[in-house]
Amino acid sequence: MIINPTGFLFGNSAQFAIKNELALPFAGQEKKVAFSMIEIIENQKLEIGYVKDCFHSPLYSNQMRKITTASPLAGLPEGSLIMGILNVTPDSFSDGGKHYSSSTAIRAAHKMVEDGATVIDIGGESTRPGSQPVSTKEECRRIIPVVKALKGCGAYLSVDTRHAETMKYALDAGADLINDISALDDRESAQVISQAQCPVILMHMRGNPQTMHQYKNYNNVLVDVFAELQRKIQKAVNAGIRRENVILDPGIGFAKNNFQNMELLKKFAAFANLGCRLLLAVSRKRFISEIAGKMNFEKYDAATMIASSPAFYFGNSIIRVHNVPAAVQSMKMWQTLYG
């Protein structure tokens, strides 16, 4: 069973509704955000109800506890965080080649930190649909000098890789966390993360960047992605990774069509049921162009921020973006309007 919180209230309205048992706090934000309704999703069926009617029901107590409390911080600061994307690649879909040299990448990262990024996500292999894999030797050649140069830059350093060997070298070089789009598919990855006891981002994807377009068949995209992420969490925990170090990414744009992407964004709050910190990564992705119209990738930043807004409801979410200033501005405006 999945409970999707909805009927959101903010500020004074949220506090009044919570006090009068008409709503519950969302993600530990008693004074900021509350939800007054829920969608109960079970066995492919959907029921809608008021929180006040389910307030003391033992049927929903476990999920309600996870939804109403703040997620673990996974070794990162409290609050909503901006993760700046730094692709040290010649072929990434949005900015391939822009930061390909180490010196250019390092300058770009310092600018992101200056603009307000808390985390810099450094990638050396493009994972756009249909991209070709690179060797771990080449991946390390691209990213390790950048990681070493940025250690102590004022931001947490994430390395975007699905290869255990690269993970190990990156952590040894000073990376703080790993962003693994394959969610530990490399047999050695879990051991590397477990030994380092570092935070890890597990993303939902079926297949790999070369084959994922073949695996878009879901009975119910929310239910199926939810269940598959649950299994990934259990795999990590079984390997010795602390659950509180796990960050989850539903993998928007990976093995999903436009309708499925939008369904996951509409029901992003339901992932609070999993009890882990969440990351939302939609920046300049292809599904935006298919909705907003085709144009230069850099012109998708406004649509990116609208698509990222479901993460703003969480007090401790992470938003992964190319345009850090736009994300900082959007988050500040949202927090001022609804905080």
C-alpha atoms as a PDB file:
ATOM      1  CA  MET A   1       0.000   0.000   0.000  1.00  0.00           C
ATOM      2  CA  ILE A   2       1.196   3.490  -0.920  1.00  0.00           C
ATOM      3  CA  ILE A   3      -0.229   6.660   0.568  1.00  0.00           C
ATOM      4  CA  ASN A   4       0.067   9.751  -1.603  1.00  0.00           C
ATOM      5  CA  PRO A   5      -0.422  12.916   0.479  1.00  0.00           C
ATOM      6  CA  THR A   6      -2.392  15.678  -1.206  1.00  0.00           C
ATOM      7  CA  GLY A   7      -4.628  18.600  -0.292  1.00  0.00           C
ATOM      8  CA  PHE A   8      -1.622  20.623   0.838  1.00  0.00           C
ATOM      9  CA  LEU A   9      -1.848  23.593   3.185  1.00  0.00           C
ATOM     10  CA  PHE A  10       0.851  26.097   4.063  1.00  0.00           C
ATOM     11  CA  GLY A  11       1.872  28.460   6.843  1.00  0.00           C
ATOM     12  CA  ASN A  12      -0.891  29.543   9.224  1.00  0.00           C
ATOM     13  CA  SER A  13      -3.471  27.393   7.450  1.00  0.00           C
ATOM     14  CA  ALA A  14      -1.279  24.331   7.917  1.00  0.00           C
ATOM     15  CA  GLN A  15      -0.760  25.073  11.606  1.00  0.00           C
ATOM     16  CA  PHE A  16      -4.506  25.584  12.191  1.00  0.00           C
ATOM     17  CA  ALA A  17      -5.427  22.354  10.397  1.00  0.00           C
ATOM     18  CA  ILE A  18      -2.806  20.343  12.285  1.00  0.00           C
ATOM     19  CA  LYS A  19      -3.937  21.750  15.636  1.00  0.00           C
ATOM     20  CA  ASN A  20      -7.553  20.827  14.897  1.00  0.00           C
ATOM     21  CA  GLU A  21      -6.710  17.344  13.552  1.00  0.00           C
ATOM     22  CA  LEU A  22      -7.826  18.239  10.049  1.00  0.00           C
ATOM     23  CA  ALA A  23      -4.378  17.667   8.569  1.00  0.00           C
ATOM     24  CA  LEU A  24      -0.972  16.230   9.362  1.00  0.00           C
ATOM     25  CA  PRO A  25       2.475  17.799   8.995  1.00  0.00           C
ATOM     26  CA  PHE A  26       4.318  16.818   5.840  1.00  0.00           C
ATOM     27  CA  ALA A  27       7.933  15.664   6.096  1.00  0.00           C
ATOM     28  CA  GLY A  28       8.449  17.075   9.577  1.00  0.00           C
ATOM     29  CA  GLN A  29       7.355  20.617   8.697  1.00  0.00           C
ATOM     30  CA  GLU A  30       4.802  21.259  11.454  1.00  0.00           C
ATOM     31  CA  LYS A  31       4.829  25.026  10.970  1.00  0.00           C
ATOM     32  CA  LYS A  32       5.119  25.122   7.190  1.00  0.00           C
ATOM     33  CA  VAL A  33       3.435  22.338   5.205  1.00  0.00           C
ATOM     34  CA  ALA A  34       0.531  19.985   5.955  1.00  0.00           C
ATOM     35  CA  PHE A  35      -1.629  17.598   3.950  1.00  0.00           C
ATOM     36  CA  SER A  36      -5.371  17.264   4.465  1.00  0.00           C
ATOM     37  CA  MET A  37      -6.185  14.455   2.016  1.00  0.00           C
ATOM     38  CA  ILE A  38      -4.635  11.179   0.941  1.00  0.00           C
ATOM     39  CA  GLU A  39      -4.776   8.881  -2.048  1.00  0.00           C
ATOM     40  CA  ILE A  40      -4.546   5.246  -0.957  1.00  0.00           C
ATOM     41  CA  ILE A  41      -3.056   3.111  -3.722  1.00  0.00           C
ATOM     42  CA  GLU A  42      -3.292  -0.648  -3.231  1.00  0.00           C
ATOM     43  CA  ASN A  43      -3.542  -3.544  -5.692  1.00  0.00           C
ATOM     44  CA  GLN A  44      -3.821  -1.093  -8.597  1.00  0.00           C
ATOM     45  CA  LYS A  45      -6.858   0.520  -6.915  1.00  0.00           C
ATOM     46  CA  LEU A  46      -7.113   4.139  -5.836  1.00  0.00           C
ATOM     47  CA  GLU A  47      -9.169   5.489  -2.946  1.00  0.00           C
ATOM     48  CA  ILE A  48      -9.293   9.111  -1.846  1.00  0.00           C
ATOM     49  CA  GLY A  49      -9.968  10.159   1.716  1.00  0.00           C
ATOM     50  CA  TYR A  50      -9.625  12.948   4.254  1.00  0.00           C
ATOM     51  CA  VAL A  51      -6.786  12.794   6.750  1.00  0.00           C
ATOM     52  CA  LYS A  52      -9.242  13.480   9.586  1.00  0.00           C
ATOM     53  CA  ASP A  53     -11.059  10.222   8.793  1.00  0.00           C
ATOM     54  CA  CYS A  54      -7.824   8.198   8.935  1.00  0.00           C
ATOM     55  CA  PHE A  55      -6.218  10.026  11.830  1.00  0.00           C
ATOM     56  CA  HIS A  56      -6.089   7.171  14.327  1.00  0.00           C
ATOM     57  CA  SER A  57      -6.354   4.175  11.998  1.00  0.00           C
ATOM     58  CA  PRO A  58      -3.698   1.494  12.677  1.00  0.00           C
ATOM     59  CA  LEU A  59      -3.937   0.469   9.000  1.00  0.00           C
ATOM     60  CA  TYR A  60      -1.994   3.535   7.934  1.00  0.00           C
ATOM     61  CA  SER A  61       0.208   4.182  10.981  1.00  0.00           C
ATOM     62  CA  ASN A  62       3.506   2.994   9.475  1.00  0.00           C
ATOM     63  CA  GLN A  63       3.175   4.987   6.253  1.00  0.00           C
ATOM     64  CA  MET A  64       1.821   8.035   8.075  1.00  0.00           C
ATOM     65  CA  ARG A  65       4.838   8.026  10.382  1.00  0.00           C
ATOM     66  CA  LYS A  66       7.214   8.124   7.414  1.00  0.00           C
ATOM     67  CA  ILE A  67       5.206  10.780   5.583  1.00  0.00           C
ATOM     68  CA  THR A  68       4.887  13.080   8.584  1.00  0.00           C
ATOM     69  CA  THR A  69       8.491  12.923   9.821  1.00  0.00           C
ATOM     70  CA  ALA A  70      11.561  14.431   8.207  1.00  0.00           C
ATOM     71  CA  SER A  71      13.747  12.029   6.262  1.00  0.00           C
ATOM     72  CA  PRO A  72      17.291  11.210   7.415  1.00  0.00           C
ATOM     73  CA  LEU A  73      19.797  13.766   6.128  1.00  0.00           C
ATOM     74  CA  ALA A  74      22.150  11.197   4.544  1.00  0.00           C
ATOM     75  CA  GLY A  75      25.252  12.999   5.755  1.00  0.00           C
ATOM     76  CA  LEU A  76      24.314  16.298   4.100  1.00  0.00           C
ATOM     77  CA  PRO A  77      23.080  19.600   5.580  1.00  0.00           C
ATOM     78  CA  GLU A  78      19.475  20.092   6.617  1.00  0.00           C
ATOM     79  CA  GLY A  79      17.109  21.900   4.289  1.00  0.00           C
ATOM     80  CA  SER A  80      16.370  21.852   0.571  1.00  0.00           C
ATOM     81  CA  LEU A  81      19.640  21.684  -1.348  1.00  0.00           C
ATOM     82  CA  ILE A  82      20.768  22.592  -4.847  1.00  0.00           C
ATOM     83  CA  MET A  83      23.046  20.130  -6.645  1.00  0.00           C
ATOM     84  CA  GLY A  84      24.915  21.669  -9.562  1.00  0.00           C
ATOM     85  CA  ILE A  85      25.585  19.436 -12.583  1.00  0.00           C
ATOM     86  CA  LEU A  86      29.181  19.362 -13.807  1.00  0.00           C
ATOM     87  CA  ASN A  87      29.571  17.137 -16.864  1.00  0.00           C
ATOM     88  CA  VAL A  88      33.238  16.599 -17.718  1.00  0.00           C
ATOM     89  CA  THR A  89      32.225  14.947 -20.990  1.00  0.00           C
ATOM     90  CA  PRO A  90      32.277  15.716 -24.713  1.00  0.00           C
ATOM     91  CA  ASP A  91      28.791  14.336 -25.384  1.00  0.00           C
ATOM     92  CA  SER A  92      26.276  15.059 -22.598  1.00  0.00           C
ATOM     93  CA  PHE A  93      22.876  15.984 -24.024  1.00  0.00           C
ATOM     94  CA  SER A  94      22.717  19.536 -22.643  1.00  0.00           C
ATOM     95  CA  ASP A  95      26.243  20.773 -22.083  1.00  0.00           C
ATOM     96  CA  GLY A  96      28.543  18.194 -23.692  1.00  0.00           C
ATOM     97  CA  GLY A  97      32.001  19.646 -24.208  1.00  0.00           C
ATOM     98  CA  LYS A  98      31.299  22.862 -22.281  1.00  0.00           C
ATOM     99  CA  HIS A  99      33.318  21.754 -19.237  1.00  0.00           C
ATOM    100  CA  TYR A 100      35.376  19.013 -20.888  1.00  0.00           C
ATOM    101  CA  SER A 101      38.779  20.343 -19.826  1.00  0.00           C
ATOM    102  CA  SER A 102      39.669  20.093 -16.137  1.00  0.00           C
ATOM    103  CA  SER A 103      40.446  23.803 -15.853  1.00  0.00           C
ATOM    104  CA  THR A 104      37.099  24.829 -17.350  1.00  0.00           C
ATOM    105  CA  ALA A 105      35.241  22.349 -15.143  1.00  0.00           C
ATOM    106  CA  ILE A 106      36.969  23.617 -12.005  1.00  0.00           C
ATOM    107  CA  ARG A 107      36.097  27.240 -12.799  1.00  0.00           C
ATOM    108  CA  ALA A 108      32.479  26.274 -13.495  1.00  0.00           C
ATOM    109  CA  ALA A 109      32.233  24.425 -10.180  1.00  0.00           C
ATOM    110  CA  HIS A 110      33.543  27.393  -8.198  1.00  0.00           C
ATOM    111  CA  LYS A 111      30.932  29.580  -9.923  1.00  0.00           C
ATOM    112  CA  MET A 112      28.186  27.111  -8.942  1.00  0.00           C
ATOM    113  CA  VAL A 113      29.304  27.239  -5.307  1.00  0.00           C
ATOM    114  CA  GLU A 114      29.353  31.036  -5.440  1.00  0.00           C
ATOM    115  CA  ASP A 115      25.816  30.968  -6.873  1.00  0.00           C
ATOM    116  CA  GLY A 116      24.490  28.775  -4.058  1.00  0.00           C
ATOM    117  CA  ALA A 117      25.059  25.101  -4.872  1.00  0.00           C
ATOM    118  CA  THR A 118      25.557  22.922  -1.797  1.00  0.00           C
ATOM    119  CA  VAL A 119      26.550  19.854  -3.822  1.00  0.00           C
ATOM    120  CA  ILE A 120      28.508  19.567  -7.085  1.00  0.00           C
ATOM    121  CA  ASP A 121      27.745  16.404  -9.091  1.00  0.00           C
ATOM    122  CA  ILE A 122      30.751  15.523 -11.253  1.00  0.00           C
ATOM    123  CA  GLY A 123      30.187  13.121 -14.145  1.00  0.00           C
ATOM    124  CA  GLY A 124      32.630  11.667 -16.652  1.00  0.00           C
ATOM    125  CA  GLU A 125      30.270   9.472 -18.680  1.00  0.00           C
ATOM    126  CA  SER A 126      27.208  10.666 -20.547  1.00  0.00           C
ATOM    127  CA  THR A 127      24.078   8.701 -19.649  1.00  0.00           C
ATOM    128  CA  ARG A 128      21.721  10.332 -22.125  1.00  0.00           C
ATOM    129  CA  PRO A 129      19.460   7.864 -23.991  1.00  0.00           C
ATOM    130  CA  GLY A 130      21.528   5.874 -26.467  1.00  0.00           C
ATOM    131  CA  SER A 131      24.873   7.154 -25.208  1.00  0.00           C
ATOM    132  CA  GLN A 132      27.918   4.930 -25.518  1.00  0.00           C
ATOM    133  CA  PRO A 133      29.741   3.762 -22.378  1.00  0.00           C
ATOM    134  CA  VAL A 134      33.324   4.799 -21.661  1.00  0.00           C
ATOM    135  CA  SER A 135      36.023   2.785 -19.927  1.00  0.00           C
ATOM    136  CA  THR A 136      36.605   3.339 -16.228  1.00  0.00           C
ATOM    137  CA  LYS A 137      40.141   4.437 -17.111  1.00  0.00           C
ATOM    138  CA  GLU A 138      38.797   7.226 -19.326  1.00  0.00           C
ATOM    139  CA  GLU A 139      36.074   8.117 -16.823  1.00  0.00           C
ATOM    140  CA  CYS A 140      38.661   8.472 -14.060  1.00  0.00           C
ATOM    141  CA  ARG A 141      40.962  10.477 -16.326  1.00  0.00           C
ATOM    142  CA  ARG A 142      38.163  12.987 -16.780  1.00  0.00           C
ATOM    143  CA  ILE A 143      36.899  13.344 -13.224  1.00  0.00           C
ATOM    144  CA  ILE A 144      39.629  12.511 -10.688  1.00  0.00           C
ATOM    145  CA  PRO A 145      41.719  15.663 -11.320  1.00  0.00           C
ATOM    146  CA  VAL A 146      38.547  17.727 -10.926  1.00  0.00           C
ATOM    147  CA  VAL A 147      37.594  16.026  -7.660  1.00  0.00           C
ATOM    148  CA  LYS A 148      41.087  16.569  -6.241  1.00  0.00           C
ATOM    149  CA  ALA A 149      41.121  20.223  -7.265  1.00  0.00           C
ATOM    150  CA  LEU A 150      37.676  20.919  -5.795  1.00  0.00           C
ATOM    151  CA  LYS A 151      38.243  19.307  -2.407  1.00  0.00           C
ATOM    152  CA  GLY A 152      37.652  22.063   0.133  1.00  0.00           C
ATOM    153  CA  CYS A 153      35.800  24.294  -2.349  1.00  0.00           C
ATOM    154  CA  GLY A 154      32.898  24.845   0.030  1.00  0.00           C
ATOM    155  CA  ALA A 155      30.517  22.287  -1.460  1.00  0.00           C
ATOM    156  CA  TYR A 156      29.971  18.557  -1.056  1.00  0.00           C
ATOM    157  CA  LEU A 157      31.409  16.617  -3.974  1.00  0.00           C
ATOM    158  CA  SER A 158      29.265  13.956  -5.616  1.00  0.00           C
ATOM    159  CA  VAL A 159      30.557  11.698  -8.370  1.00  0.00           C
ATOM    160  CA  ASP A 160      28.031  10.513 -10.944  1.00  0.00           C
ATOM    161  CA  THR A 161      29.157   7.003 -11.885  1.00  0.00           C
ATOM    162  CA  ARG A 162      27.805   3.471 -12.148  1.00  0.00           C
ATOM    163  CA  HIS A 163      31.239   1.822 -11.992  1.00  0.00           C
ATOM    164  CA  ALA A 164      32.671   0.494  -8.724  1.00  0.00           C
ATOM    165  CA  GLU A 165      36.271   1.115  -9.741  1.00  0.00           C
ATOM    166  CA  THR A 166      35.543   4.770 -10.482  1.00  0.00           C
ATOM    167  CA  MET A 167      33.658   5.080  -7.193  1.00  0.00           C
ATOM    168  CA  LYS A 168      36.662   3.839  -5.240  1.00  0.00           C
ATOM    169  CA  TYR A 169      39.139   6.163  -6.940  1.00  0.00           C
ATOM    170  CA  ALA A 170      36.751   9.104  -6.585  1.00  0.00           C
ATOM    171  CA  LEU A 171      36.190   8.516  -2.865  1.00  0.00           C
ATOM    172  CA  ASP A 172      39.931   8.157  -2.335  1.00  0.00           C
ATOM    173  CA  ALA A 173      40.409  11.458  -4.187  1.00  0.00           C
ATOM    174  CA  GLY A 174      38.017  13.280  -1.865  1.00  0.00           C
ATOM    175  CA  ALA A 175      34.460  12.735  -3.123  1.00  0.00           C
ATOM    176  CA  ASP A 176      31.816  12.884  -0.392  1.00  0.00           C
ATOM    177  CA  LEU A 177      29.038  10.851  -2.007  1.00  0.00           C
ATOM    178  CA  ILE A 178      28.219   8.722  -5.034  1.00  0.00           C
ATOM    179  CA  ASN A 179      25.367   9.243  -7.495  1.00  0.00           C
ATOM    180  CA  ASP A 180      24.701   5.853  -9.127  1.00  0.00           C
ATOM    181  CA  ILE A 181      22.086   5.830 -11.880  1.00  0.00           C
ATOM    182  CA  SER A 182      22.216   2.025 -11.959  1.00  0.00           C
ATOM    183  CA  ALA A 183      21.510   1.746  -8.215  1.00  0.00           C
ATOM    184  CA  LEU A 184      24.409  -0.626  -7.501  1.00  0.00           C
ATOM    185  CA  ASP A 185      24.175  -2.840 -10.586  1.00  0.00           C
ATOM    186  CA  ASP A 186      27.968  -3.199 -10.636  1.00  0.00           C
ATOM    187  CA  ARG A 187      28.573  -6.187  -8.352  1.00  0.00           C
ATOM    188  CA  GLU A 188      31.376  -4.418  -6.488  1.00  0.00           C
ATOM    189  CA  SER A 189      29.585  -1.089  -5.990  1.00  0.00           C
ATOM    190  CA  ALA A 190      27.720  -1.977  -2.813  1.00  0.00           C
ATOM    191  CA  GLN A 191      30.925  -3.161  -1.171  1.00  0.00           C
ATOM    192  CA  VAL A 192      32.733   0.070  -2.076  1.00  0.00           C
ATOM    193  CA  ILE A 193      29.920   2.192  -0.631  1.00  0.00           C
ATOM    194  CA  SER A 194      29.582   0.004   2.449  1.00  0.00           C
ATOM    195  CA  GLN A 195      33.282   0.217   3.232  1.00  0.00           C
ATOM    196  CA  ALA A 196      33.312   3.994   2.768  1.00  0.00           C
ATOM    197  CA  GLN A 197      30.035   4.448   4.708  1.00  0.00           C
ATOM    198  CA  CYS A 198      29.309   7.424   2.474  1.00  0.00           C
ATOM    199  CA  PRO A 199      25.957   8.678   1.190  1.00  0.00           C
ATOM    200  CA  VAL A 200      24.752   7.122  -2.054  1.00  0.00           C
ATOM    201  CA  ILE A 201      22.053   8.187  -4.506  1.00  0.00           C
ATOM    202  CA  LEU A 202      20.118   5.249  -5.940  1.00  0.00           C
ATOM    203  CA  MET A 203      18.214   6.093  -9.101  1.00  0.00           C
ATOM    204  CA  HIS A 204      15.427   4.090 -10.679  1.00  0.00           C
ATOM    205  CA  MET A 205      16.173   2.824 -14.160  1.00  0.00           C
ATOM    206  CA  ARG A 206      15.429  -0.327 -16.099  1.00  0.00           C
ATOM    207  CA  GLY A 207      18.153  -1.661 -18.357  1.00  0.00           C
ATOM    208  CA  ASN A 208      20.967   0.785 -19.110  1.00  0.00           C
ATOM    209  CA  PRO A 209      21.255   4.007 -21.144  1.00  0.00           C
ATOM    210  CA  GLN A 210      21.588   1.950 -24.338  1.00  0.00           C
ATOM    211  CA  THR A 211      18.574  -0.328 -23.699  1.00  0.00           C
ATOM    212  CA  MET A 212      16.258   1.526 -21.309  1.00  0.00           C
ATOM    213  CA  HIS A 213      13.880   2.640 -24.072  1.00  0.00           C
ATOM    214  CA  GLN A 214      12.777  -1.016 -24.331  1.00  0.00           C
ATOM    215  CA  TYR A 215      11.522  -1.181 -20.735  1.00  0.00           C
ATOM    216  CA  LYS A 216       8.755   1.398 -20.464  1.00  0.00           C
ATOM    217  CA  ASN A 217       5.942  -1.074 -19.816  1.00  0.00           C
ATOM    218  CA  TYR A 218       4.487  -0.606 -16.332  1.00  0.00           C
ATOM    219  CA  ASN A 219       1.254  -1.857 -14.802  1.00  0.00           C
ATOM    220  CA  ASN A 220       1.220   1.324 -12.722  1.00  0.00           C
ATOM    221  CA  VAL A 221       4.321   3.494 -13.006  1.00  0.00           C
ATOM    222  CA  LEU A 222       4.170   4.814  -9.437  1.00  0.00           C
ATOM    223  CA  VAL A 223       3.540   1.409  -7.870  1.00  0.00           C
ATOM    224  CA  ASP A 224       6.189  -0.316  -9.979  1.00  0.00           C
ATOM    225  CA  VAL A 225       8.894   2.330  -9.516  1.00  0.00           C
ATOM    226  CA  PHE A 226       8.121   2.429  -5.794  1.00  0.00           C
ATOM    227  CA  ALA A 227       8.475  -1.357  -5.468  1.00  0.00           C
ATOM    228  CA  GLU A 228      11.674  -1.449  -7.508  1.00  0.00           C
ATOM    229  CA  LEU A 229      13.226   1.293  -5.373  1.00  0.00           C
ATOM    230  CA  GLN A 230      12.220  -0.631  -2.248  1.00  0.00           C
ATOM    231  CA  ARG A 231      14.172  -3.606  -3.545  1.00  0.00           C
ATOM    232  CA  LYS A 232      17.178  -1.401  -4.266  1.00  0.00           C
ATOM    233  CA  ILE A 233      17.089  -0.064  -0.702  1.00  0.00           C
ATOM    234  CA  GLN A 234      16.960  -3.592   0.681  1.00  0.00           C
ATOM    235  CA  LYS A 235      19.857  -4.650  -1.533  1.00  0.00           C
ATOM    236  CA  ALA A 236      21.916  -1.752  -0.209  1.00  0.00           C
ATOM    237  CA  VAL A 237      21.052  -2.469   3.419  1.00  0.00           C
ATOM    238  CA  ASN A 238      21.832  -6.174   2.980  1.00  0.00           C
ATOM    239  CA  ALA A 239      25.270  -5.171   1.674  1.00  0.00           C
ATOM    240  CA  GLY A 240      26.005  -3.161   4.811  1.00  0.00           C
ATOM    241  CA  ILE A 241      25.033   0.309   3.597  1.00  0.00           C
ATOM    242  CA  ARG A 242      23.238   2.280   6.280  1.00  0.00           C
ATOM    243  CA  ARG A 243      19.669   3.034   5.267  1.00  0.00           C
ATOM    244  CA  GLU A 244      20.013   6.610   6.524  1.00  0.00           C
ATOM    245  CA  ASN A 245      22.796   7.123   3.959  1.00  0.00           C
ATOM    246  CA  VAL A 246      20.500   6.272   1.035  1.00  0.00           C
ATOM    247  CA  ILE A 247      19.105   9.044  -1.170  1.00  0.00           C
ATOM    248  CA  LEU A 248      16.466   8.091  -3.744  1.00  0.00           C
ATOM    249  CA  ASP A 249      15.896   9.435  -7.256  1.00  0.00           C
ATOM    250  CA  PRO A 250      12.811   8.189  -9.183  1.00  0.00           C
ATOM    251  CA  GLY A 251      14.735   8.478 -12.448  1.00  0.00           C
ATOM    252  CA  ILE A 252      12.630  10.903 -14.455  1.00  0.00           C
ATOM    253  CA  GLY A 253      13.369  10.325 -18.142  1.00  0.00           C
ATOM    254  CA  PHE A 254      15.017   6.941 -17.639  1.00  0.00           C
ATOM    255  CA  ALA A 255      12.932   4.064 -19.049  1.00  0.00           C
ATOM    256  CA  LYS A 256       9.817   6.230 -18.894  1.00  0.00           C
ATOM    257  CA  ASN A 257       7.657   7.989 -21.450  1.00  0.00           C
ATOM    258  CA  ASN A 258       6.200  11.488 -21.099  1.00  0.00           C
ATOM    259  CA  PHE A 259       2.993  10.342 -19.429  1.00  0.00           C
ATOM    260  CA  GLN A 260       4.925   8.226 -16.940  1.00  0.00           C
ATOM    261  CA  ASN A 261       7.317  11.079 -16.160  1.00  0.00           C
ATOM    262  CA  MET A 262       4.425  13.419 -15.459  1.00  0.00           C
ATOM    263  CA  GLU A 263       2.629  10.850 -13.321  1.00  0.00           C
ATOM    264  CA  LEU A 264       5.716  10.471 -11.118  1.00  0.00           C
ATOM    265  CA  LEU A 265       6.090  14.236 -10.808  1.00  0.00           C
ATOM    266  CA  LYS A 266       2.420  14.658  -9.885  1.00  0.00           C
ATOM    267  CA  LYS A 267       2.746  12.001  -7.195  1.00  0.00           C
ATOM    268  CA  PHE A 268       6.308  12.765  -6.106  1.00  0.00           C
ATOM    269  CA  ALA A 269       5.123  13.262  -2.515  1.00  0.00           C
ATOM    270  CA  ALA A 270       4.256   9.546  -2.367  1.00  0.00           C
ATOM    271  CA  PHE A 271       7.959   8.689  -2.275  1.00  0.00           C
ATOM    272  CA  ALA A 272       7.966   9.998   1.299  1.00  0.00           C
ATOM    273  CA  ASN A 273       6.593   6.528   2.140  1.00  0.00           C
ATOM    274  CA  LEU A 274      10.082   5.136   1.547  1.00  0.00           C
ATOM    275  CA  GLY A 275      11.578   7.085   4.441  1.00  0.00           C
ATOM    276  CA  CYS A 276      14.726   8.260   2.623  1.00  0.00           C
ATOM    277  CA  ARG A 277      15.967  11.633   1.494  1.00  0.00           C
ATOM    278  CA  LEU A 278      14.837  12.370  -2.062  1.00  0.00           C
ATOM    279  CA  LEU A 279      16.515  13.858  -5.103  1.00  0.00           C
ATOM    280  CA  LEU A 280      14.664  15.166  -8.146  1.00  0.00           C
ATOM    281  CA  ALA A 281      16.584  15.512 -11.408  1.00  0.00           C
ATOM    282  CA  VAL A 282      14.632  16.874 -14.374  1.00  0.00           C
ATOM    283  CA  SER A 283      16.971  19.603 -15.604  1.00  0.00           C
ATOM    284  CA  ARG A 284      16.747  20.175 -19.377  1.00  0.00           C
ATOM    285  CA  LYS A 285      15.610  16.613 -19.996  1.00  0.00           C
ATOM    286  CA  ARG A 286      14.130  15.588 -23.306  1.00  0.00           C
ATOM    287  CA  PHE A 287      10.579  15.190 -21.989  1.00  0.00           C
ATOM    288  CA  ILE A 288      10.561  18.947 -21.297  1.00  0.00           C
ATOM    289  CA  SER A 289      11.264  19.700 -24.949  1.00  0.00           C
ATOM    290  CA  GLU A 290       8.425  17.424 -26.025  1.00  0.00           C
ATOM    291  CA  ILE A 291       6.019  19.383 -23.815  1.00  0.00           C
ATOM    292  CA  ALA A 292       7.388  22.932 -24.041  1.00  0.00           C
ATOM    293  CA  GLY A 293       8.544  22.780 -27.667  1.00  0.00           C
ATOM    294  CA  LYS A 294      11.956  22.256 -29.197  1.00  0.00           C
ATOM    295  CA  MET A 295      14.552  24.972 -28.621  1.00  0.00           C
ATOM    296  CA  ASN A 296      18.088  25.400 -27.329  1.00  0.00           C
ATOM    297  CA  PHE A 297      18.553  23.292 -24.181  1.00  0.00           C
ATOM    298  CA  GLU A 298      19.521  26.317 -22.091  1.00  0.00           C
ATOM    299  CA  LYS A 299      16.073  27.788 -22.726  1.00  0.00           C
ATOM    300  CA  TYR A 300      14.426  24.947 -20.794  1.00  0.00           C
ATOM    301  CA  ASP A 301      15.449  26.303 -17.389  1.00  0.00           C
ATOM    302  CA  ALA A 302      12.076  27.933 -16.641  1.00  0.00           C
ATOM    303  CA  ALA A 303      10.247  24.685 -17.420  1.00  0.00           C
ATOM    304  CA  THR A 304      12.889  22.815 -15.425  1.00  0.00           C
ATOM    305  CA  MET A 305      12.057  24.801 -12.306  1.00  0.00           C
ATOM    306  CA  ILE A 306       8.313  24.217 -12.690  1.00  0.00           C
ATOM    307  CA  ALA A 307       8.948  20.488 -13.123  1.00  0.00           C
ATOM    308  CA  SER A 308      11.247  20.551 -10.065  1.00  0.00           C
ATOM    309  CA  SER A 309       8.646  22.212  -7.840  1.00  0.00           C
ATOM    310  CA  PRO A 310       7.219  18.953  -6.373  1.00  0.00           C
ATOM    311  CA  ALA A 311      10.512  18.629  -4.488  1.00  0.00           C
ATOM    312  CA  PHE A 312       9.993  22.030  -2.833  1.00  0.00           C
ATOM    313  CA  TYR A 313       7.241  20.544  -0.636  1.00  0.00           C
ATOM    314  CA  PHE A 314       9.890  18.510   1.177  1.00  0.00           C
ATOM    315  CA  GLY A 315      12.037  20.272   3.731  1.00  0.00           C
ATOM    316  CA  ASN A 316      15.119  18.178   2.936  1.00  0.00           C
ATOM    317  CA  SER A 317      14.965  17.446  -0.785  1.00  0.00           C
ATOM    318  CA  ILE A 318      17.807  17.820  -3.288  1.00  0.00           C
ATOM    319  CA  ILE A 319      17.263  19.376  -6.709  1.00  0.00           C
ATOM    320  CA  ARG A 320      19.809  18.548  -9.418  1.00  0.00           C
ATOM    321  CA  VAL A 321      20.149  21.333 -12.003  1.00  0.00           C
ATOM    322  CA  HIS A 322      22.364  22.860 -14.666  1.00  0.00           C
ATOM    323  CA  ASN A 323      21.356  26.461 -13.863  1.00  0.00           C
ATOM    324  CA  VAL A 324      22.137  27.014 -10.185  1.00  0.00           C
ATOM    325  CA  PRO A 325      21.068  30.701  -9.938  1.00  0.00           C
ATOM    326  CA  ALA A 326      17.646  29.913 -11.428  1.00  0.00           C
ATOM    327  CA  ALA A 327      17.168  27.077  -8.942  1.00  0.00           C
ATOM    328  CA  VAL A 328      18.208  29.212  -5.970  1.00  0.00           C
ATOM    329  CA  GLN A 329      15.851  32.005  -7.039  1.00  0.00           C
ATOM    330  CA  SER A 330      12.952  29.598  -7.571  1.00  0.00           C
ATOM    331  CA  MET A 331      13.469  27.895  -4.230  1.00  0.00           C
ATOM    332  CA  LYS A 332      13.684  31.190  -2.336  1.00  0.00           C
ATOM    333  CA  MET A 333      10.520  32.446  -4.007  1.00  0.00           C
ATOM    334  CA  TRP A 334       8.638  29.225  -3.255  1.00  0.00           C
ATOM    335  CA  GLN A 335       9.765  29.242   0.379  1.00  0.00           C
ATOM    336  CA  THR A 336       8.705  32.880   0.750  1.00  0.00           C
ATOM    337  CA  LEU A 337       5.289  32.231  -0.775  1.00  0.00           C
ATOM    338  CA  TYR A 338       4.543  28.970   1.016  1.00  0.00           C
ATOM    339  CA  GLY A 339       6.989  28.708   3.915  1.00  0.00           C
END
